[in-house]
Amino acid sequence: MKTRQLRAVLFCLFLAFALPAVAHHSLSAEYDSGKLLDLTGTITRVEWVNPHAWVEIDGKDPADGRTQHWKLEMASITCLVKHGISKETMTLGSTITVHDSWRAKDGSFHTPVFTMIYGNRSYRVQRSPSDPQVDLTEPDYWCAP
């Protein structure tokens, strides 16, 4: 009986640690690194959640010039705070520009944010895996200094 209980506990622990690893996604699975995107828009919503913060904007689609509602996948909250960005600093109605982001493969209006201009500052909040200057062995790979 004790062996059965021990197996059940070990199985639950395995699931607790394995599921978060499965839940994280690959950028290349969702986005096309060959279709770069520069986008400027007005912030309409900020979601300060893990594993990534999200900022929603109304911005013009560079492909056709029409205003679309975009969802920007930001870095982790830890990385954003490291750069002095907080939920309070991302104010509704302000303008944000993202550079060299990738288009979604499914054609939807969401994109990861690597570099952005917000206020009067430029931020490199995540490193693009396609950036030739990226050192994949660097422990702080996803949170650019």
N, C-alpha and C. Protein backbone atom coordinates (compact mmCIF):
# COMPACT_ATOMS: atom_id res chain seq x y z
N MET A 1 0.81 -1.20 0.00
CA MET A 1 0.00 0.00 0.00
C MET A 1 0.87 1.27 0.00
N LYS A 2 1.94 1.26 0.81
CA LYS A 2 2.81 2.43 0.87
C LYS A 2 3.51 2.67 -0.47
N THR A 3 3.86 1.61 -1.17
CA THR A 3 4.50 1.74 -2.48
C THR A 3 3.55 2.42 -3.45
N ARG A 4 2.31 2.08 -3.39
CA ARG A 4 1.30 2.69 -4.27
C ARG A 4 1.15 4.19 -3.99
N GLN A 5 1.13 4.54 -2.72
CA GLN A 5 1.01 5.95 -2.33
C GLN A 5 2.25 6.73 -2.76
N LEU A 6 3.41 6.12 -2.58
CA LEU A 6 4.65 6.77 -2.98
C LEU A 6 4.67 7.00 -4.49
N ARG A 7 4.25 6.00 -5.26
CA ARG A 7 4.18 6.16 -6.70
C ARG A 7 3.22 7.28 -7.10
N ALA A 8 2.10 7.35 -6.42
CA ALA A 8 1.11 8.40 -6.73
C ALA A 8 1.70 9.79 -6.43
N VAL A 9 2.38 9.92 -5.32
CA VAL A 9 2.99 11.21 -4.95
C VAL A 9 4.08 11.57 -5.96
N LEU A 10 4.92 10.62 -6.31
CA LEU A 10 5.99 10.89 -7.29
C LEU A 10 5.41 11.27 -8.65
N PHE A 11 4.35 10.61 -9.06
CA PHE A 11 3.70 10.94 -10.33
C PHE A 11 3.16 12.37 -10.30
N CYS A 12 2.53 12.76 -9.20
CA CYS A 12 1.99 14.13 -9.07
C CYS A 12 3.12 15.16 -9.11
N LEU A 13 4.22 14.86 -8.45
CA LEU A 13 5.37 15.77 -8.48
C LEU A 13 5.93 15.89 -9.89
N PHE A 14 6.02 14.78 -10.58
CA PHE A 14 6.48 14.80 -11.97
C PHE A 14 5.59 15.71 -12.81
N LEU A 15 4.28 15.55 -12.69
CA LEU A 15 3.36 16.39 -13.45
C LEU A 15 3.50 17.86 -13.10
N ALA A 16 3.68 18.14 -11.83
CA ALA A 16 3.79 19.54 -11.37
C ALA A 16 4.99 20.23 -12.00
N PHE A 17 6.07 19.50 -12.20
CA PHE A 17 7.27 20.10 -12.77
C PHE A 17 7.33 19.97 -14.28
N ALA A 18 6.70 18.98 -14.85
CA ALA A 18 6.79 18.75 -16.30
C ALA A 18 5.82 19.62 -17.08
N LEU A 19 4.63 19.86 -16.57
CA LEU A 19 3.62 20.60 -17.32
C LEU A 19 4.03 22.03 -17.66
N PRO A 20 4.64 22.80 -16.74
CA PRO A 20 5.05 24.15 -17.14
C PRO A 20 6.05 24.15 -18.30
N ALA A 21 6.92 23.16 -18.37
CA ALA A 21 7.88 23.09 -19.47
C ALA A 21 7.18 22.83 -20.79
N VAL A 22 6.15 22.03 -20.77
CA VAL A 22 5.39 21.72 -21.98
C VAL A 22 4.57 22.93 -22.41
N ALA A 23 4.13 23.72 -21.46
CA ALA A 23 3.24 24.84 -21.75
C ALA A 23 3.94 25.97 -22.49
N HIS A 24 5.26 26.15 -22.32
CA HIS A 24 5.94 27.23 -22.99
C HIS A 24 6.07 26.92 -24.48
N HIS A 25 6.04 27.95 -25.27
CA HIS A 25 6.00 27.77 -26.72
C HIS A 25 7.28 28.23 -27.38
N SER A 26 7.48 27.80 -28.59
CA SER A 26 8.60 28.23 -29.40
C SER A 26 8.13 29.40 -30.25
N LEU A 27 8.92 30.46 -30.31
CA LEU A 27 8.55 31.60 -31.14
C LEU A 27 8.45 31.20 -32.60
N SER A 28 9.33 30.34 -33.05
CA SER A 28 9.32 29.96 -34.46
C SER A 28 8.11 29.10 -34.82
N ALA A 29 7.45 28.53 -33.83
CA ALA A 29 6.24 27.75 -34.10
C ALA A 29 5.06 28.67 -34.42
N GLU A 30 5.04 29.85 -33.82
CA GLU A 30 3.91 30.77 -33.99
C GLU A 30 4.18 31.91 -34.95
N TYR A 31 5.44 32.31 -35.06
CA TYR A 31 5.77 33.51 -35.81
C TYR A 31 6.74 33.21 -36.94
N ASP A 32 6.71 34.04 -37.99
CA ASP A 32 7.58 33.89 -39.15
C ASP A 32 8.71 34.91 -39.07
N SER A 33 9.91 34.45 -38.75
CA SER A 33 11.05 35.36 -38.60
C SER A 33 11.47 35.99 -39.92
N GLY A 34 10.97 35.47 -41.03
CA GLY A 34 11.28 36.04 -42.33
C GLY A 34 10.37 37.20 -42.72
N LYS A 35 9.34 37.44 -41.92
CA LYS A 35 8.41 38.54 -42.20
C LYS A 35 8.50 39.55 -41.07
N LEU A 36 9.45 40.46 -41.21
CA LEU A 36 9.67 41.46 -40.16
C LEU A 36 8.61 42.54 -40.21
N LEU A 37 8.38 43.13 -39.06
CA LEU A 37 7.27 44.06 -38.89
C LEU A 37 7.71 45.23 -38.03
N ASP A 38 7.49 46.45 -38.49
CA ASP A 38 7.61 47.66 -37.69
C ASP A 38 6.20 48.19 -37.52
N LEU A 39 5.85 48.52 -36.30
CA LEU A 39 4.46 48.85 -36.01
C LEU A 39 4.39 49.94 -34.95
N THR A 40 3.53 50.94 -35.18
CA THR A 40 3.28 51.99 -34.20
C THR A 40 1.79 52.05 -33.93
N GLY A 41 1.44 52.20 -32.65
CA GLY A 41 0.03 52.27 -32.31
C GLY A 41 -0.21 52.86 -30.94
N THR A 42 -1.49 52.98 -30.62
CA THR A 42 -1.93 53.54 -29.35
C THR A 42 -2.33 52.41 -28.41
N ILE A 43 -1.81 52.45 -27.19
CA ILE A 43 -2.09 51.39 -26.21
C ILE A 43 -3.56 51.45 -25.78
N THR A 44 -4.24 50.30 -25.90
CA THR A 44 -5.65 50.21 -25.51
C THR A 44 -5.85 49.30 -24.29
N ARG A 45 -4.88 48.42 -24.02
CA ARG A 45 -5.01 47.50 -22.89
C ARG A 45 -3.64 46.97 -22.51
N VAL A 46 -3.43 46.75 -21.22
CA VAL A 46 -2.19 46.15 -20.71
C VAL A 46 -2.58 44.98 -19.82
N GLU A 47 -2.03 43.80 -20.13
CA GLU A 47 -2.24 42.61 -19.31
C GLU A 47 -0.91 42.26 -18.66
N TRP A 48 -0.83 42.44 -17.36
CA TRP A 48 0.41 42.21 -16.62
C TRP A 48 0.33 40.82 -16.01
N VAL A 49 0.62 39.79 -16.83
CA VAL A 49 0.48 38.40 -16.42
C VAL A 49 1.73 37.61 -16.78
N ASN A 50 1.92 36.49 -16.13
CA ASN A 50 3.01 35.57 -16.48
C ASN A 50 2.50 34.53 -17.45
N PRO A 51 3.28 33.97 -18.33
CA PRO A 51 4.73 34.15 -18.40
C PRO A 51 5.15 35.37 -19.19
N HIS A 52 4.23 36.03 -19.90
CA HIS A 52 4.56 37.23 -20.67
C HIS A 52 3.49 38.28 -20.42
N ALA A 53 3.93 39.53 -20.35
CA ALA A 53 2.96 40.62 -20.33
C ALA A 53 2.46 40.81 -21.76
N TRP A 54 1.26 41.32 -21.90
CA TRP A 54 0.67 41.59 -23.22
C TRP A 54 0.22 43.03 -23.26
N VAL A 55 0.47 43.69 -24.38
CA VAL A 55 0.00 45.05 -24.60
C VAL A 55 -0.82 45.03 -25.89
N GLU A 56 -2.03 45.55 -25.81
CA GLU A 56 -2.88 45.63 -26.99
C GLU A 56 -2.87 47.06 -27.51
N ILE A 57 -2.76 47.19 -28.82
CA ILE A 57 -2.70 48.51 -29.44
C ILE A 57 -3.60 48.55 -30.67
N ASP A 58 -3.96 49.76 -31.05
CA ASP A 58 -4.58 50.00 -32.34
C ASP A 58 -3.50 50.65 -33.20
N GLY A 59 -3.10 49.93 -34.25
CA GLY A 59 -2.02 50.42 -35.11
C GLY A 59 -2.27 50.02 -36.55
N LYS A 60 -1.62 50.74 -37.45
CA LYS A 60 -1.79 50.47 -38.88
C LYS A 60 -1.00 49.25 -39.30
N ASP A 61 -1.66 48.38 -40.03
CA ASP A 61 -0.99 47.22 -40.60
C ASP A 61 -0.09 47.71 -41.73
N PRO A 62 1.22 47.52 -41.62
CA PRO A 62 2.12 47.99 -42.67
C PRO A 62 1.82 47.36 -44.04
N ALA A 63 1.18 46.21 -44.05
CA ALA A 63 0.89 45.53 -45.32
C ALA A 63 -0.16 46.27 -46.14
N ASP A 64 -1.18 46.80 -45.46
CA ASP A 64 -2.26 47.45 -46.23
C ASP A 64 -2.66 48.84 -45.70
N GLY A 65 -2.04 49.29 -44.61
CA GLY A 65 -2.32 50.63 -44.09
C GLY A 65 -3.59 50.77 -43.28
N ARG A 66 -4.34 49.68 -43.14
CA ARG A 66 -5.58 49.77 -42.36
C ARG A 66 -5.28 49.64 -40.87
N THR A 67 -6.05 50.34 -40.05
CA THR A 67 -5.88 50.24 -38.61
C THR A 67 -6.43 48.91 -38.14
N GLN A 68 -5.61 48.20 -37.37
CA GLN A 68 -5.98 46.90 -36.82
C GLN A 68 -5.72 46.90 -35.32
N HIS A 69 -6.38 45.98 -34.64
CA HIS A 69 -6.14 45.80 -33.21
C HIS A 69 -5.06 44.72 -33.07
N TRP A 70 -3.91 45.09 -32.53
CA TRP A 70 -2.76 44.20 -32.40
C TRP A 70 -2.57 43.79 -30.96
N LYS A 71 -2.08 42.58 -30.77
CA LYS A 71 -1.72 42.09 -29.45
C LYS A 71 -0.21 41.83 -29.45
N LEU A 72 0.50 42.56 -28.59
CA LEU A 72 1.96 42.49 -28.53
C LEU A 72 2.39 41.58 -27.39
N GLU A 73 3.12 40.53 -27.70
CA GLU A 73 3.64 39.61 -26.69
C GLU A 73 4.96 40.18 -26.18
N MET A 74 4.93 40.65 -24.96
CA MET A 74 6.10 41.29 -24.37
C MET A 74 7.01 40.23 -23.73
N ALA A 75 8.11 40.68 -23.16
CA ALA A 75 9.00 39.81 -22.39
C ALA A 75 8.32 39.45 -21.08
N SER A 76 9.02 38.70 -20.26
CA SER A 76 8.49 38.37 -18.94
C SER A 76 8.42 39.65 -18.09
N ILE A 77 7.58 39.60 -17.10
CA ILE A 77 7.44 40.75 -16.20
C ILE A 77 8.78 41.07 -15.55
N THR A 78 9.55 40.04 -15.19
CA THR A 78 10.87 40.25 -14.59
C THR A 78 11.77 41.06 -15.50
N CYS A 79 11.79 40.71 -16.78
CA CYS A 79 12.62 41.45 -17.74
C CYS A 79 12.15 42.89 -17.90
N LEU A 80 10.83 43.07 -17.99
CA LEU A 80 10.30 44.42 -18.16
C LEU A 80 10.64 45.29 -16.95
N VAL A 81 10.46 44.76 -15.76
CA VAL A 81 10.78 45.52 -14.54
C VAL A 81 12.26 45.85 -14.50
N LYS A 82 13.09 44.90 -14.95
CA LYS A 82 14.54 45.13 -15.00
C LYS A 82 14.86 46.36 -15.85
N HIS A 83 14.04 46.63 -16.85
CA HIS A 83 14.23 47.79 -17.73
C HIS A 83 13.47 49.03 -17.26
N GLY A 84 12.84 48.94 -16.09
CA GLY A 84 12.11 50.09 -15.56
C GLY A 84 10.71 50.24 -16.12
N ILE A 85 10.18 49.17 -16.71
CA ILE A 85 8.83 49.20 -17.28
C ILE A 85 7.89 48.48 -16.31
N SER A 86 6.80 49.12 -15.98
CA SER A 86 5.81 48.49 -15.10
C SER A 86 4.42 48.69 -15.70
N LYS A 87 3.45 48.05 -15.10
CA LYS A 87 2.08 48.20 -15.58
C LYS A 87 1.66 49.67 -15.53
N GLU A 88 2.14 50.37 -14.52
CA GLU A 88 1.78 51.78 -14.36
C GLU A 88 2.44 52.67 -15.40
N THR A 89 3.63 52.27 -15.90
CA THR A 89 4.30 53.11 -16.90
C THR A 89 3.73 52.90 -18.30
N MET A 90 3.05 51.78 -18.52
CA MET A 90 2.43 51.50 -19.82
C MET A 90 1.01 52.06 -19.80
N THR A 91 0.87 53.36 -20.02
CA THR A 91 -0.42 54.02 -19.84
C THR A 91 -1.29 53.93 -21.10
N LEU A 92 -2.58 53.74 -20.86
CA LEU A 92 -3.54 53.68 -21.96
C LEU A 92 -3.54 55.00 -22.71
N GLY A 93 -3.64 54.92 -24.03
CA GLY A 93 -3.67 56.12 -24.86
C GLY A 93 -2.31 56.60 -25.31
N SER A 94 -1.23 56.04 -24.73
CA SER A 94 0.11 56.46 -25.15
C SER A 94 0.54 55.66 -26.38
N THR A 95 1.58 56.14 -27.02
CA THR A 95 2.06 55.54 -28.27
C THR A 95 3.24 54.62 -28.00
N ILE A 96 3.25 53.51 -28.71
CA ILE A 96 4.36 52.56 -28.63
C ILE A 96 4.73 52.15 -30.06
N THR A 97 6.02 51.96 -30.29
CA THR A 97 6.51 51.50 -31.59
C THR A 97 7.36 50.26 -31.36
N VAL A 98 7.14 49.23 -32.16
CA VAL A 98 7.96 48.02 -32.09
C VAL A 98 8.70 47.87 -33.41
N HIS A 99 9.94 47.39 -33.31
CA HIS A 99 10.79 47.22 -34.49
C HIS A 99 11.22 45.78 -34.65
N ASP A 100 11.30 45.34 -35.90
CA ASP A 100 11.81 44.01 -36.25
C ASP A 100 11.09 42.88 -35.53
N SER A 101 9.80 43.05 -35.30
CA SER A 101 9.00 41.96 -34.75
C SER A 101 8.64 41.01 -35.89
N TRP A 102 8.05 39.89 -35.55
CA TRP A 102 7.72 38.88 -36.54
C TRP A 102 6.22 38.76 -36.70
N ARG A 103 5.77 38.58 -37.92
CA ARG A 103 4.34 38.36 -38.19
C ARG A 103 3.92 36.97 -37.73
N ALA A 104 2.68 36.87 -37.28
CA ALA A 104 2.13 35.57 -36.90
C ALA A 104 1.94 34.73 -38.15
N LYS A 105 2.28 33.45 -38.07
CA LYS A 105 2.16 32.55 -39.21
C LYS A 105 0.71 32.37 -39.64
N ASP A 106 -0.22 32.46 -38.68
CA ASP A 106 -1.63 32.24 -39.01
C ASP A 106 -2.32 33.51 -39.52
N GLY A 107 -1.56 34.60 -39.67
CA GLY A 107 -2.13 35.84 -40.21
C GLY A 107 -2.84 36.70 -39.18
N SER A 108 -2.88 36.26 -37.92
CA SER A 108 -3.55 37.06 -36.89
C SER A 108 -2.68 38.26 -36.54
N PHE A 109 -3.27 39.18 -35.83
CA PHE A 109 -2.59 40.44 -35.52
C PHE A 109 -1.97 40.39 -34.13
N HIS A 110 -1.01 39.49 -33.97
CA HIS A 110 -0.21 39.50 -32.75
C HIS A 110 1.24 39.23 -33.12
N THR A 111 2.14 39.76 -32.30
CA THR A 111 3.57 39.71 -32.63
C THR A 111 4.39 39.76 -31.35
N PRO A 112 5.56 39.11 -31.32
CA PRO A 112 6.44 39.25 -30.17
C PRO A 112 7.18 40.58 -30.25
N VAL A 113 7.49 41.16 -29.11
CA VAL A 113 8.21 42.43 -29.08
C VAL A 113 9.65 42.17 -28.63
N PHE A 114 10.59 42.55 -29.48
CA PHE A 114 12.01 42.44 -29.15
C PHE A 114 12.56 43.82 -28.81
N THR A 115 12.27 44.78 -29.67
CA THR A 115 12.74 46.15 -29.49
C THR A 115 11.54 47.08 -29.60
N MET A 116 11.48 48.05 -28.69
CA MET A 116 10.35 48.99 -28.74
C MET A 116 10.82 50.38 -28.37
N ILE A 117 10.05 51.36 -28.84
CA ILE A 117 10.24 52.75 -28.41
C ILE A 117 8.98 53.11 -27.66
N TYR A 118 9.18 53.56 -26.45
CA TYR A 118 8.05 53.95 -25.61
C TYR A 118 8.45 55.20 -24.84
N GLY A 119 7.60 56.21 -24.89
CA GLY A 119 7.99 57.48 -24.30
C GLY A 119 9.14 58.03 -25.11
N ASN A 120 10.18 58.45 -24.44
CA ASN A 120 11.35 58.98 -25.17
C ASN A 120 12.53 58.02 -25.09
N ARG A 121 12.26 56.74 -24.82
CA ARG A 121 13.33 55.75 -24.69
C ARG A 121 13.15 54.58 -25.64
N SER A 122 14.26 54.00 -26.01
CA SER A 122 14.26 52.78 -26.81
C SER A 122 14.64 51.63 -25.87
N TYR A 123 13.92 50.52 -25.97
CA TYR A 123 14.14 49.36 -25.12
C TYR A 123 14.38 48.13 -25.98
N ARG A 124 15.35 47.36 -25.61
CA ARG A 124 15.55 46.04 -26.22
C ARG A 124 15.17 45.04 -25.13
N VAL A 125 13.90 44.68 -25.08
CA VAL A 125 13.38 43.92 -23.95
C VAL A 125 13.54 42.41 -24.08
N GLN A 126 13.71 41.91 -25.28
CA GLN A 126 14.01 40.50 -25.50
C GLN A 126 14.97 40.43 -26.66
N ARG A 127 15.70 39.39 -26.71
CA ARG A 127 16.59 39.20 -27.84
C ARG A 127 15.93 38.30 -28.86
N SER A 128 16.00 38.71 -30.07
CA SER A 128 15.45 37.90 -31.15
C SER A 128 16.38 36.71 -31.40
N PRO A 129 15.82 35.50 -31.45
CA PRO A 129 16.66 34.34 -31.74
C PRO A 129 17.35 34.43 -33.11
N SER A 130 16.84 35.26 -34.02
CA SER A 130 17.46 35.39 -35.33
C SER A 130 18.57 36.45 -35.35
N ASP A 131 18.77 37.16 -34.23
CA ASP A 131 19.80 38.18 -34.14
C ASP A 131 21.17 37.51 -34.15
N PRO A 132 22.05 37.84 -35.11
CA PRO A 132 23.35 37.17 -35.18
C PRO A 132 24.25 37.48 -33.98
N GLN A 133 23.93 38.53 -33.24
CA GLN A 133 24.73 38.91 -32.07
C GLN A 133 24.34 38.14 -30.81
N VAL A 134 23.31 37.31 -30.88
CA VAL A 134 22.81 36.60 -29.71
C VAL A 134 23.74 35.45 -29.36
N ASP A 135 24.09 35.37 -28.09
CA ASP A 135 24.87 34.25 -27.57
C ASP A 135 23.91 33.32 -26.85
N LEU A 136 23.58 32.19 -27.47
CA LEU A 136 22.59 31.28 -26.90
C LEU A 136 23.03 30.66 -25.59
N THR A 137 24.32 30.76 -25.26
CA THR A 137 24.80 30.20 -23.99
C THR A 137 24.69 31.21 -22.86
N GLU A 138 24.39 32.45 -23.19
CA GLU A 138 24.28 33.49 -22.18
C GLU A 138 23.10 33.20 -21.26
N PRO A 139 23.31 33.21 -19.93
CA PRO A 139 22.21 32.87 -19.02
C PRO A 139 21.04 33.86 -19.09
N ASP A 140 21.33 35.11 -19.46
CA ASP A 140 20.28 36.12 -19.51
C ASP A 140 19.79 36.34 -20.93
N TYR A 141 19.78 35.28 -21.73
CA TYR A 141 19.47 35.34 -23.16
C TYR A 141 18.19 36.10 -23.48
N TRP A 142 17.10 35.80 -22.77
CA TRP A 142 15.81 36.39 -23.13
C TRP A 142 15.60 37.78 -22.55
N CYS A 143 16.43 38.19 -21.64
CA CYS A 143 16.24 39.49 -21.00
C CYS A 143 17.44 40.36 -21.32
N ALA A 144 17.37 41.04 -22.44
CA ALA A 144 18.52 41.81 -22.93
C ALA A 144 18.86 42.95 -21.98
N PRO A 145 20.15 43.19 -21.78
CA PRO A 145 20.56 44.31 -20.91
C PRO A 145 20.36 45.64 -21.58
